[in-house]
Amino acid sequence: SSIALLFGALHMRDMRSLLERQFDLDAADQARWETAWTIRSAVPARTDAVLPLAAVSLLVVDAGDWLETVRLALDSLGAATGDAVGEAALAALLYLVRHAAIYATLAT
């Protein structure tokens, strides 16, 4: 009995049929996963304390940014200039772009 590890063949849709035909191989009925190695960190993780602090810090910064955006939008609308609505919309759009970029970065 021999064991093979095959991965990364999703770009070759006919990989299974090629292997079965050319090498007279049989596909396994059921996959069996075993731990190949375990890596232990020399320094214990501190995510239990850092993650809540980072989340609260991000919320504080977000709240300050939101308040500043609302202030800018209201100032623009209160100025009653010809482009007040456009300036208020731009402030809101820039807020959304900033925060979309932040959350996209945090998600990766």
PDB file of N, CA and C in Angstrom:
ATOM      1  N   SER A   1       0.842  -1.174   0.000  1.00  0.00           N
ATOM      2  CA  SER A   1       0.000   0.000   0.000  1.00  0.00           C
ATOM      3  C   SER A   1       0.884   1.233   0.000  1.00  0.00           C
ATOM      4  N   SER A   2       0.563   2.188  -0.813  1.00  0.00           N
ATOM      5  CA  SER A   2       1.318   3.437  -0.837  1.00  0.00           C
ATOM      6  C   SER A   2       0.369   4.594  -0.591  1.00  0.00           C
ATOM      7  N   ILE A   3       0.941   5.690  -0.141  1.00  0.00           N
ATOM      8  CA  ILE A   3       0.164   6.884   0.186  1.00  0.00           C
ATOM      9  C   ILE A   3       0.650   8.011  -0.703  1.00  0.00           C
ATOM     10  N   ALA A   4      -0.268   8.792  -1.219  1.00  0.00           N
ATOM     11  CA  ALA A   4       0.089   9.938  -2.052  1.00  0.00           C
ATOM     12  C   ALA A   4      -0.645  11.161  -1.535  1.00  0.00           C
ATOM     13  N   LEU A   5       0.008  12.282  -1.692  1.00  0.00           N
ATOM     14  CA  LEU A   5      -0.588  13.564  -1.345  1.00  0.00           C
ATOM     15  C   LEU A   5      -0.662  14.370  -2.627  1.00  0.00           C
ATOM     16  N   LEU A   6      -1.876  14.738  -3.013  1.00  0.00           N
ATOM     17  CA  LEU A   6      -2.078  15.491  -4.247  1.00  0.00           C
ATOM     18  C   LEU A   6      -2.873  16.732  -3.912  1.00  0.00           C
ATOM     19  N   PHE A   7      -2.333  17.896  -4.251  1.00  0.00           N
ATOM     20  CA  PHE A   7      -3.060  19.133  -4.009  1.00  0.00           C
ATOM     21  C   PHE A   7      -2.754  20.110  -5.119  1.00  0.00           C
ATOM     22  N   GLY A   8      -3.579  21.115  -5.245  1.00  0.00           N
ATOM     23  CA  GLY A   8      -3.346  22.164  -6.233  1.00  0.00           C
ATOM     24  C   GLY A   8      -3.756  21.785  -7.638  1.00  0.00           C
ATOM     25  N   ALA A   9      -4.640  20.802  -7.797  1.00  0.00           N
ATOM     26  CA  ALA A   9      -5.011  20.366  -9.142  1.00  0.00           C
ATOM     27  C   ALA A   9      -6.346  20.925  -9.615  1.00  0.00           C
ATOM     28  N   LEU A  10      -6.868  21.927  -8.935  1.00  0.00           N
ATOM     29  CA  LEU A  10      -8.164  22.475  -9.344  1.00  0.00           C
ATOM     30  C   LEU A  10      -8.124  23.114 -10.735  1.00  0.00           C
ATOM     31  N   HIS A  11      -6.965  23.540 -11.152  1.00  0.00           N
ATOM     32  CA  HIS A  11      -6.871  24.143 -12.473  1.00  0.00           C
ATOM     33  C   HIS A  11      -6.822  23.080 -13.573  1.00  0.00           C
ATOM     34  N   MET A  12      -6.722  21.815 -13.190  1.00  0.00           N
ATOM     35  CA  MET A  12      -6.711  20.709 -14.158  1.00  0.00           C
ATOM     36  C   MET A  12      -7.935  19.841 -13.880  1.00  0.00           C
ATOM     37  N   ARG A  13      -9.027  20.150 -14.525  1.00  0.00           N
ATOM     38  CA  ARG A  13     -10.293  19.471 -14.245  1.00  0.00           C
ATOM     39  C   ARG A  13     -10.241  17.975 -14.565  1.00  0.00           C
ATOM     40  N   ASP A  14      -9.370  17.573 -15.463  1.00  0.00           N
ATOM     41  CA  ASP A  14      -9.296  16.167 -15.845  1.00  0.00           C
ATOM     42  C   ASP A  14      -8.163  15.426 -15.128  1.00  0.00           C
ATOM     43  N   MET A  15      -7.637  15.985 -14.038  1.00  0.00           N
ATOM     44  CA  MET A  15      -6.514  15.370 -13.329  1.00  0.00           C
ATOM     45  C   MET A  15      -6.852  13.951 -12.867  1.00  0.00           C
ATOM     46  N   ARG A  16      -8.029  13.756 -12.289  1.00  0.00           N
ATOM     47  CA  ARG A  16      -8.391  12.435 -11.775  1.00  0.00           C
ATOM     48  C   ARG A  16      -8.424  11.397 -12.895  1.00  0.00           C
ATOM     49  N   SER A  17      -9.099  11.740 -13.991  1.00  0.00           N
ATOM     50  CA  SER A  17      -9.198  10.757 -15.082  1.00  0.00           C
ATOM     51  C   SER A  17      -7.834  10.483 -15.700  1.00  0.00           C
ATOM     52  N   LEU A  18      -6.967  11.489 -15.803  1.00  0.00           N
ATOM     53  CA  LEU A  18      -5.618  11.268 -16.330  1.00  0.00           C
ATOM     54  C   LEU A  18      -4.807  10.330 -15.438  1.00  0.00           C
ATOM     55  N   LEU A  19      -4.854  10.553 -14.143  1.00  0.00           N
ATOM     56  CA  LEU A  19      -4.108   9.696 -13.219  1.00  0.00           C
ATOM     57  C   LEU A  19      -4.642   8.267 -13.229  1.00  0.00           C
ATOM     58  N   GLU A  20      -5.965   8.138 -13.233  1.00  0.00           N
ATOM     59  CA  GLU A  20      -6.540   6.795 -13.245  1.00  0.00           C
ATOM     60  C   GLU A  20      -6.206   6.059 -14.542  1.00  0.00           C
ATOM     61  N   ARG A  21      -6.228   6.742 -15.650  1.00  0.00           N
ATOM     62  CA  ARG A  21      -5.990   6.114 -16.944  1.00  0.00           C
ATOM     63  C   ARG A  21      -4.506   5.808 -17.175  1.00  0.00           C
ATOM     64  N   GLN A  22      -3.621   6.785 -16.905  1.00  0.00           N
ATOM     65  CA  GLN A  22      -2.212   6.617 -17.228  1.00  0.00           C
ATOM     66  C   GLN A  22      -1.461   5.741 -16.226  1.00  0.00           C
ATOM     67  N   PHE A  23      -1.854   5.765 -14.968  1.00  0.00           N
ATOM     68  CA  PHE A  23      -1.089   5.047 -13.946  1.00  0.00           C
ATOM     69  C   PHE A  23      -1.882   3.937 -13.275  1.00  0.00           C
ATOM     70  N   ASP A  24      -3.066   3.645 -13.791  1.00  0.00           N
ATOM     71  CA  ASP A  24      -3.904   2.593 -13.249  1.00  0.00           C
ATOM     72  C   ASP A  24      -4.115   2.784 -11.752  1.00  0.00           C
ATOM     73  N   LEU A  25      -4.489   4.009 -11.381  1.00  0.00           N
ATOM     74  CA  LEU A  25      -4.701   4.352  -9.980  1.00  0.00           C
ATOM     75  C   LEU A  25      -6.173   4.255  -9.631  1.00  0.00           C
ATOM     76  N   ASP A  26      -6.437   3.998  -8.377  1.00  0.00           N
ATOM     77  CA  ASP A  26      -7.807   4.009  -7.863  1.00  0.00           C
ATOM     78  C   ASP A  26      -7.939   5.161  -6.888  1.00  0.00           C
ATOM     79  N   ALA A  27      -9.054   5.861  -6.989  1.00  0.00           N
ATOM     80  CA  ALA A  27      -9.304   6.955  -6.056  1.00  0.00           C
ATOM     81  C   ALA A  27      -9.702   6.383  -4.698  1.00  0.00           C
ATOM     82  N   ALA A  28      -9.313   7.053  -3.656  1.00  0.00           N
ATOM     83  CA  ALA A  28      -9.682   6.624  -2.305  1.00  0.00           C
ATOM     84  C   ALA A  28     -11.173   6.823  -2.106  1.00  0.00           C
ATOM     85  N   ASP A  29     -11.781   5.897  -1.374  1.00  0.00           N
ATOM     86  CA  ASP A  29     -13.212   6.015  -1.104  1.00  0.00           C
ATOM     87  C   ASP A  29     -13.495   7.169  -0.158  1.00  0.00           C
ATOM     88  N   GLN A  30     -12.622   7.350   0.807  1.00  0.00           N
ATOM     89  CA  GLN A  30     -12.837   8.393   1.802  1.00  0.00           C
ATOM     90  C   GLN A  30     -11.476   8.973   2.189  1.00  0.00           C
ATOM     91  N   ALA A  31     -11.422  10.292   2.290  1.00  0.00           N
ATOM     92  CA  ALA A  31     -10.166  10.940   2.676  1.00  0.00           C
ATOM     93  C   ALA A  31      -9.910  10.717   4.161  1.00  0.00           C
ATOM     94  N   ARG A  32      -8.668  10.542   4.514  1.00  0.00           N
ATOM     95  CA  ARG A  32      -8.274  10.409   5.914  1.00  0.00           C
ATOM     96  C   ARG A  32      -7.202  11.455   6.185  1.00  0.00           C
ATOM     97  N   TRP A  33      -7.486  12.337   7.113  1.00  0.00           N
ATOM     98  CA  TRP A  33      -6.581  13.430   7.424  1.00  0.00           C
ATOM     99  C   TRP A  33      -5.816  13.120   8.701  1.00  0.00           C
ATOM    100  N   GLU A  34      -4.526  13.310   8.642  1.00  0.00           N
ATOM    101  CA  GLU A  34      -3.683  13.129   9.809  1.00  0.00           C
ATOM    102  C   GLU A  34      -2.806  14.360   9.980  1.00  0.00           C
ATOM    103  N   THR A  35      -2.464  14.647  11.211  1.00  0.00           N
ATOM    104  CA  THR A  35      -1.608  15.797  11.492  1.00  0.00           C
ATOM    105  C   THR A  35      -0.189  15.478  11.049  1.00  0.00           C
ATOM    106  N   ALA A  36       0.337  16.297  10.162  1.00  0.00           N
ATOM    107  CA  ALA A  36       1.710  16.095   9.688  1.00  0.00           C
ATOM    108  C   ALA A  36       2.709  16.731  10.644  1.00  0.00           C
ATOM    109  N   TRP A  37       2.389  17.900  11.128  1.00  0.00           N
ATOM    110  CA  TRP A  37       3.248  18.550  12.104  1.00  0.00           C
ATOM    111  C   TRP A  37       2.454  19.555  12.914  1.00  0.00           C
ATOM    112  N   THR A  38       2.956  19.866  14.081  1.00  0.00           N
ATOM    113  CA  THR A  38       2.347  20.850  14.965  1.00  0.00           C
ATOM    114  C   THR A  38       3.416  21.871  15.313  1.00  0.00           C
ATOM    115  N   ILE A  39       3.082  23.123  15.176  1.00  0.00           N
ATOM    116  CA  ILE A  39       4.033  24.198  15.472  1.00  0.00           C
ATOM    117  C   ILE A  39       3.552  24.925  16.708  1.00  0.00           C
ATOM    118  N   ARG A  40       4.393  24.965  17.703  1.00  0.00           N
ATOM    119  CA  ARG A  40       4.067  25.687  18.934  1.00  0.00           C
ATOM    120  C   ARG A  40       4.903  26.951  18.985  1.00  0.00           C
ATOM    121  N   SER A  41       4.258  28.027  19.339  1.00  0.00           N
ATOM    122  CA  SER A  41       4.943  29.309  19.430  1.00  0.00           C
ATOM    123  C   SER A  41       5.755  29.373  20.719  1.00  0.00           C
ATOM    124  N   ALA A  42       6.940  29.951  20.625  1.00  0.00           N
ATOM    125  CA  ALA A  42       7.773  30.112  21.812  1.00  0.00           C
ATOM    126  C   ALA A  42       7.212  31.206  22.712  1.00  0.00           C
ATOM    127  N   VAL A  43       6.509  32.171  22.108  1.00  0.00           N
ATOM    128  CA  VAL A  43       5.918  33.274  22.862  1.00  0.00           C
ATOM    129  C   VAL A  43       4.410  33.038  22.914  1.00  0.00           C
ATOM    130  N   PRO A  44       3.816  33.020  24.102  1.00  0.00           N
ATOM    131  CA  PRO A  44       2.372  32.804  24.169  1.00  0.00           C
ATOM    132  C   PRO A  44       1.605  33.942  23.504  1.00  0.00           C
ATOM    133  N   ALA A  45       0.521  33.596  22.848  1.00  0.00           N
ATOM    134  CA  ALA A  45      -0.300  34.598  22.167  1.00  0.00           C
ATOM    135  C   ALA A  45      -1.007  35.479  23.186  1.00  0.00           C
ATOM    136  N   ARG A  46      -1.124  36.754  22.861  1.00  0.00           N
ATOM    137  CA  ARG A  46      -1.781  37.703  23.756  1.00  0.00           C
ATOM    138  C   ARG A  46      -3.038  38.274  23.126  1.00  0.00           C
ATOM    139  N   THR A  47      -3.651  37.527  22.262  1.00  0.00           N
ATOM    140  CA  THR A  47      -4.825  38.040  21.568  1.00  0.00           C
ATOM    141  C   THR A  47      -6.001  38.250  22.503  1.00  0.00           C
ATOM    142  N   ASP A  48      -6.037  37.527  23.629  1.00  0.00           N
ATOM    143  CA  ASP A  48      -7.171  37.674  24.533  1.00  0.00           C
ATOM    144  C   ASP A  48      -7.243  39.074  25.136  1.00  0.00           C
ATOM    145  N   ALA A  49      -6.127  39.765  25.274  1.00  0.00           N
ATOM    146  CA  ALA A  49      -6.134  41.126  25.813  1.00  0.00           C
ATOM    147  C   ALA A  49      -6.028  42.182  24.710  1.00  0.00           C
ATOM    148  N   VAL A  50      -5.335  41.864  23.650  1.00  0.00           N
ATOM    149  CA  VAL A  50      -5.075  42.848  22.598  1.00  0.00           C
ATOM    150  C   VAL A  50      -6.304  43.071  21.721  1.00  0.00           C
ATOM    151  N   LEU A  51      -7.025  42.010  21.401  1.00  0.00           N
ATOM    152  CA  LEU A  51      -8.153  42.138  20.488  1.00  0.00           C
ATOM    153  C   LEU A  51      -9.256  43.057  21.021  1.00  0.00           C
ATOM    154  N   PRO A  52      -9.708  42.918  22.267  1.00  0.00           N
ATOM    155  CA  PRO A  52     -10.729  43.863  22.755  1.00  0.00           C
ATOM    156  C   PRO A  52     -10.229  45.307  22.797  1.00  0.00           C
ATOM    157  N   LEU A  53      -8.973  45.505  23.167  1.00  0.00           N
ATOM    158  CA  LEU A  53      -8.410  46.853  23.196  1.00  0.00           C
ATOM    159  C   LEU A  53      -8.368  47.452  21.794  1.00  0.00           C
ATOM    160  N   ALA A  54      -7.970  46.653  20.819  1.00  0.00           N
ATOM    161  CA  ALA A  54      -7.931  47.133  19.437  1.00  0.00           C
ATOM    162  C   ALA A  54      -9.339  47.449  18.937  1.00  0.00           C
ATOM    163  N   ALA A  55     -10.309  46.610  19.290  1.00  0.00           N
ATOM    164  CA  ALA A  55     -11.687  46.847  18.849  1.00  0.00           C
ATOM    165  C   ALA A  55     -12.242  48.139  19.444  1.00  0.00           C
ATOM    166  N   VAL A  56     -12.007  48.362  20.728  1.00  0.00           N
ATOM    167  CA  VAL A  56     -12.480  49.594  21.367  1.00  0.00           C
ATOM    168  C   VAL A  56     -11.788  50.809  20.753  1.00  0.00           C
ATOM    169  N   SER A  57     -10.485  50.702  20.509  1.00  0.00           N
ATOM    170  CA  SER A  57      -9.746  51.809  19.893  1.00  0.00           C
ATOM    171  C   SER A  57     -10.298  52.137  18.511  1.00  0.00           C
ATOM    172  N   LEU A  58     -10.585  51.104  17.728  1.00  0.00           N
ATOM    173  CA  LEU A  58     -11.138  51.320  16.394  1.00  0.00           C
ATOM    174  C   LEU A  58     -12.511  51.983  16.480  1.00  0.00           C
ATOM    175  N   LEU A  59     -13.335  51.554  17.427  1.00  0.00           N
ATOM    176  CA  LEU A  59     -14.661  52.165  17.587  1.00  0.00           C
ATOM    177  C   LEU A  59     -14.568  53.627  17.998  1.00  0.00           C
ATOM    178  N   VAL A  60     -13.602  53.962  18.848  1.00  0.00           N
ATOM    179  CA  VAL A  60     -13.412  55.360  19.258  1.00  0.00           C
ATOM    180  C   VAL A  60     -13.000  56.211  18.057  1.00  0.00           C
ATOM    181  N   VAL A  61     -12.050  55.704  17.272  1.00  0.00           N
ATOM    182  CA  VAL A  61     -11.610  56.440  16.076  1.00  0.00           C
ATOM    183  C   VAL A  61     -12.761  56.573  15.089  1.00  0.00           C
ATOM    184  N   ASP A  62     -13.525  55.490  14.898  1.00  0.00           N
ATOM    185  CA  ASP A  62     -14.675  55.532  13.994  1.00  0.00           C
ATOM    186  C   ASP A  62     -15.707  56.562  14.447  1.00  0.00           C
ATOM    187  N   ALA A  63     -15.981  56.581  15.746  1.00  0.00           N
ATOM    188  CA  ALA A  63     -16.966  57.539  16.264  1.00  0.00           C
ATOM    189  C   ALA A  63     -16.500  58.973  16.039  1.00  0.00           C
ATOM    190  N   GLY A  64     -15.226  59.241  16.299  1.00  0.00           N
ATOM    191  CA  GLY A  64     -14.690  60.586  16.062  1.00  0.00           C
ATOM    192  C   GLY A  64     -14.761  60.976  14.597  1.00  0.00           C
ATOM    193  N   ASP A  65     -14.448  60.016  13.728  1.00  0.00           N
ATOM    194  CA  ASP A  65     -14.500  60.290  12.292  1.00  0.00           C
ATOM    195  C   ASP A  65     -15.939  60.531  11.842  1.00  0.00           C
ATOM    196  N   TRP A  66     -16.881  59.742  12.377  1.00  0.00           N
ATOM    197  CA  TRP A  66     -18.283  59.925  12.025  1.00  0.00           C
ATOM    198  C   TRP A  66     -18.780  61.300  12.461  1.00  0.00           C
ATOM    199  N   LEU A  67     -18.454  61.688  13.693  1.00  0.00           N
ATOM    200  CA  LEU A  67     -18.891  62.996  14.181  1.00  0.00           C
ATOM    201  C   LEU A  67     -18.306  64.127  13.339  1.00  0.00           C
ATOM    202  N   GLU A  68     -17.043  64.004  12.960  1.00  0.00           N
ATOM    203  CA  GLU A  68     -16.416  65.023  12.117  1.00  0.00           C
ATOM    204  C   GLU A  68     -17.068  65.061  10.739  1.00  0.00           C
ATOM    205  N   THR A  69     -17.420  63.907  10.199  1.00  0.00           N
ATOM    206  CA  THR A  69     -18.092  63.861   8.893  1.00  0.00           C
ATOM    207  C   THR A  69     -19.460  64.526   8.960  1.00  0.00           C
ATOM    208  N   VAL A  70     -20.218  64.223  10.011  1.00  0.00           N
ATOM    209  CA  VAL A  70     -21.540  64.841  10.171  1.00  0.00           C
ATOM    210  C   VAL A  70     -21.399  66.353  10.349  1.00  0.00           C
ATOM    211  N   ARG A  71     -20.403  66.790  11.133  1.00  0.00           N
ATOM    212  CA  ARG A  71     -20.179  68.227  11.327  1.00  0.00           C
ATOM    213  C   ARG A  71     -19.864  68.910  10.001  1.00  0.00           C
ATOM    214  N   LEU A  72     -18.978  68.296   9.206  1.00  0.00           N
ATOM    215  CA  LEU A  72     -18.632  68.870   7.902  1.00  0.00           C
ATOM    216  C   LEU A  72     -19.849  68.938   6.984  1.00  0.00           C
ATOM    217  N   ALA A  73     -20.651  67.883   6.994  1.00  0.00           N
ATOM    218  CA  ALA A  73     -21.836  67.870   6.136  1.00  0.00           C
ATOM    219  C   ALA A  73     -22.825  68.949   6.571  1.00  0.00           C
ATOM    220  N   LEU A  74     -23.048  69.074   7.876  1.00  0.00           N
ATOM    221  CA  LEU A  74     -23.978  70.097   8.365  1.00  0.00           C
ATOM    222  C   LEU A  74     -23.458  71.509   8.121  1.00  0.00           C
ATOM    223  N   ASP A  75     -22.145  71.705   8.282  1.00  0.00           N
ATOM    224  CA  ASP A  75     -21.550  73.011   7.985  1.00  0.00           C
ATOM    225  C   ASP A  75     -21.731  73.357   6.517  1.00  0.00           C
ATOM    226  N   SER A  76     -21.540  72.351   5.646  1.00  0.00           N
ATOM    227  CA  SER A  76     -21.698  72.593   4.211  1.00  0.00           C
ATOM    228  C   SER A  76     -23.131  72.962   3.881  1.00  0.00           C
ATOM    229  N   LEU A  77     -24.074  72.232   4.472  1.00  0.00           N
ATOM    230  CA  LEU A  77     -25.492  72.524   4.209  1.00  0.00           C
ATOM    231  C   LEU A  77     -25.915  73.852   4.827  1.00  0.00           C
ATOM    232  N   GLY A  78     -25.341  74.193   5.985  1.00  0.00           N
ATOM    233  CA  GLY A  78     -25.689  75.439   6.653  1.00  0.00           C
ATOM    234  C   GLY A  78     -25.114  76.656   5.966  1.00  0.00           C
ATOM    235  N   ALA A  79     -24.048  76.483   5.203  1.00  0.00           N
ATOM    236  CA  ALA A  79     -23.418  77.609   4.519  1.00  0.00           C
ATOM    237  C   ALA A  79     -24.285  78.128   3.373  1.00  0.00           C
ATOM    238  N   ALA A  80     -25.200  77.312   2.933  1.00  0.00           N
ATOM    239  CA  ALA A  80     -26.136  77.680   1.857  1.00  0.00           C
ATOM    240  C   ALA A  80     -25.415  78.186   0.618  1.00  0.00           C
ATOM    241  N   THR A  81     -24.300  77.555   0.317  1.00  0.00           N
ATOM    242  CA  THR A  81     -23.617  77.893  -0.937  1.00  0.00           C
ATOM    243  C   THR A  81     -24.277  77.119  -2.060  1.00  0.00           C
ATOM    244  N   GLY A  82     -23.916  77.428  -3.257  1.00  0.00           N
ATOM    245  CA  GLY A  82     -24.523  76.783  -4.420  1.00  0.00           C
ATOM    246  C   GLY A  82     -24.257  75.292  -4.486  1.00  0.00           C
ATOM    247  N   ASP A  83     -23.156  74.842  -3.916  1.00  0.00           N
ATOM    248  CA  ASP A  83     -22.799  73.427  -4.004  1.00  0.00           C
ATOM    249  C   ASP A  83     -22.823  72.759  -2.634  1.00  0.00           C
ATOM    250  N   ALA A  84     -23.686  73.208  -1.742  1.00  0.00           N
ATOM    251  CA  ALA A  84     -23.720  72.683  -0.370  1.00  0.00           C
ATOM    252  C   ALA A  84     -24.080  71.204  -0.339  1.00  0.00           C
ATOM    253  N   VAL A  85     -25.040  70.793  -1.129  1.00  0.00           N
ATOM    254  CA  VAL A  85     -25.454  69.394  -1.154  1.00  0.00           C
ATOM    255  C   VAL A  85     -24.320  68.517  -1.685  1.00  0.00           C
ATOM    256  N   GLY A  86     -23.626  69.009  -2.704  1.00  0.00           N
ATOM    257  CA  GLY A  86     -22.504  68.269  -3.262  1.00  0.00           C
ATOM    258  C   GLY A  86     -21.370  68.101  -2.258  1.00  0.00           C
ATOM    259  N   GLU A  87     -21.083  69.159  -1.500  1.00  0.00           N
ATOM    260  CA  GLU A  87     -20.028  69.073  -0.488  1.00  0.00           C
ATOM    261  C   GLU A  87     -20.417  68.114   0.631  1.00  0.00           C
ATOM    262  N   ALA A  88     -21.675  68.141   1.047  1.00  0.00           N
ATOM    263  CA  ALA A  88     -22.140  67.226   2.086  1.00  0.00           C
ATOM    264  C   ALA A  88     -22.090  65.776   1.594  1.00  0.00           C
ATOM    265  N   ALA A  89     -22.493  65.569   0.359  1.00  0.00           N
ATOM    266  CA  ALA A  89     -22.442  64.222  -0.218  1.00  0.00           C
ATOM    267  C   ALA A  89     -20.998  63.745  -0.357  1.00  0.00           C
ATOM    268  N   LEU A  90     -20.088  64.641  -0.727  1.00  0.00           N
ATOM    269  CA  LEU A  90     -18.675  64.283  -0.841  1.00  0.00           C
ATOM    270  C   LEU A  90     -18.100  63.884   0.517  1.00  0.00           C
ATOM    271  N   ALA A  91     -18.460  64.617   1.568  1.00  0.00           N
ATOM    272  CA  ALA A  91     -17.982  64.271   2.912  1.00  0.00           C
ATOM    273  C   ALA A  91     -18.462  62.875   3.306  1.00  0.00           C
ATOM    274  N   ALA A  92     -19.718  62.567   3.023  1.00  0.00           N
ATOM    275  CA  ALA A  92     -20.256  61.245   3.346  1.00  0.00           C
ATOM    276  C   ALA A  92     -19.602  60.157   2.510  1.00  0.00           C
ATOM    277  N   LEU A  93     -19.386  60.434   1.231  1.00  0.00           N
ATOM    278  CA  LEU A  93     -18.743  59.461   0.347  1.00  0.00           C
ATOM    279  C   LEU A  93     -17.316  59.164   0.802  1.00  0.00           C
ATOM    280  N   LEU A  94     -16.569  60.209   1.147  1.00  0.00           N
ATOM    281  CA  LEU A  94     -15.194  60.004   1.612  1.00  0.00           C
ATOM    282  C   LEU A  94     -15.165  59.209   2.914  1.00  0.00           C
ATOM    283  N   TYR A  95     -16.139  59.439   3.789  1.00  0.00           N
ATOM    284  CA  TYR A  95     -16.244  58.646   5.021  1.00  0.00           C
ATOM    285  C   TYR A  95     -16.422  57.164   4.677  1.00  0.00           C
ATOM    286  N   LEU A  96     -17.342  56.880   3.771  1.00  0.00           N
ATOM    287  CA  LEU A  96     -17.599  55.487   3.385  1.00  0.00           C
ATOM    288  C   LEU A  96     -16.369  54.840   2.748  1.00  0.00           C
ATOM    289  N   VAL A  97     -15.669  55.565   1.897  1.00  0.00           N
ATOM    290  CA  VAL A  97     -14.472  55.027   1.244  1.00  0.00           C
ATOM    291  C   VAL A  97     -13.386  54.731   2.280  1.00  0.00           C
ATOM    292  N   ARG A  98     -13.174  55.676   3.211  1.00  0.00           N
ATOM    293  CA  ARG A  98     -12.155  55.457   4.255  1.00  0.00           C
ATOM    294  C   ARG A  98     -12.461  54.197   5.053  1.00  0.00           C
ATOM    295  N   HIS A  99     -13.696  54.063   5.472  1.00  0.00           N
ATOM    296  CA  HIS A  99     -14.031  52.951   6.331  1.00  0.00           C
ATOM    297  C   HIS A  99     -14.132  51.628   5.585  1.00  0.00           C
ATOM    298  N   ALA A 100     -14.508  51.661   4.338  1.00  0.00           N
ATOM    299  CA  ALA A 100     -14.473  50.443   3.529  1.00  0.00           C
ATOM    300  C   ALA A 100     -13.025  49.960   3.398  1.00  0.00           C
ATOM    301  N   ALA A 101     -12.102  50.900   3.186  1.00  0.00           N
ATOM    302  CA  ALA A 101     -10.689  50.528   3.083  1.00  0.00           C
ATOM    303  C   ALA A 101     -10.159  49.973   4.403  1.00  0.00           C
ATOM    304  N   ILE A 102     -10.540  50.592   5.499  1.00  0.00           N
ATOM    305  CA  ILE A 102     -10.092  50.114   6.817  1.00  0.00           C
ATOM    306  C   ILE A 102     -10.592  48.706   7.074  1.00  0.00           C
ATOM    307  N   TYR A 103     -11.887  48.485   6.887  1.00  0.00           N
ATOM    308  CA  TYR A 103     -12.453  47.171   7.186  1.00  0.00           C
ATOM    309  C   TYR A 103     -11.976  46.113   6.195  1.00  0.00           C
ATOM    310  N   ALA A 104     -11.752  46.472   4.947  1.00  0.00           N
ATOM    311  CA  ALA A 104     -11.201  45.521   3.991  1.00  0.00           C
ATOM    312  C   ALA A 104      -9.791  45.111   4.398  1.00  0.00           C
ATOM    313  N   THR A 105      -9.015  46.082   4.891  1.00  0.00           N
ATOM    314  CA  THR A 105      -7.661  45.775   5.339  1.00  0.00           C
ATOM    315  C   THR A 105      -7.681  44.883   6.567  1.00  0.00           C
ATOM    316  N   LEU A 106      -8.587  45.161   7.491  1.00  0.00           N
ATOM    317  CA  LEU A 106      -8.676  44.352   8.707  1.00  0.00           C
ATOM    318  C   LEU A 106      -9.163  42.938   8.419  1.00  0.00           C
ATOM    319  N   ALA A 107      -9.938  42.780   7.379  1.00  0.00           N
ATOM    320  CA  ALA A 107     -10.492  41.462   7.065  1.00  0.00           C
ATOM    321  C   ALA A 107      -9.444  40.535   6.446  1.00  0.00           C
ATOM    322  N   THR A 108      -8.382  41.087   5.897  1.00  0.00           N
ATOM    323  CA  THR A 108      -7.364  40.242   5.260  1.00  0.00           C
ATOM    324  C   THR A 108      -6.351  39.744   6.227  1.00  0.00           C
TER     325      THR A 108
END
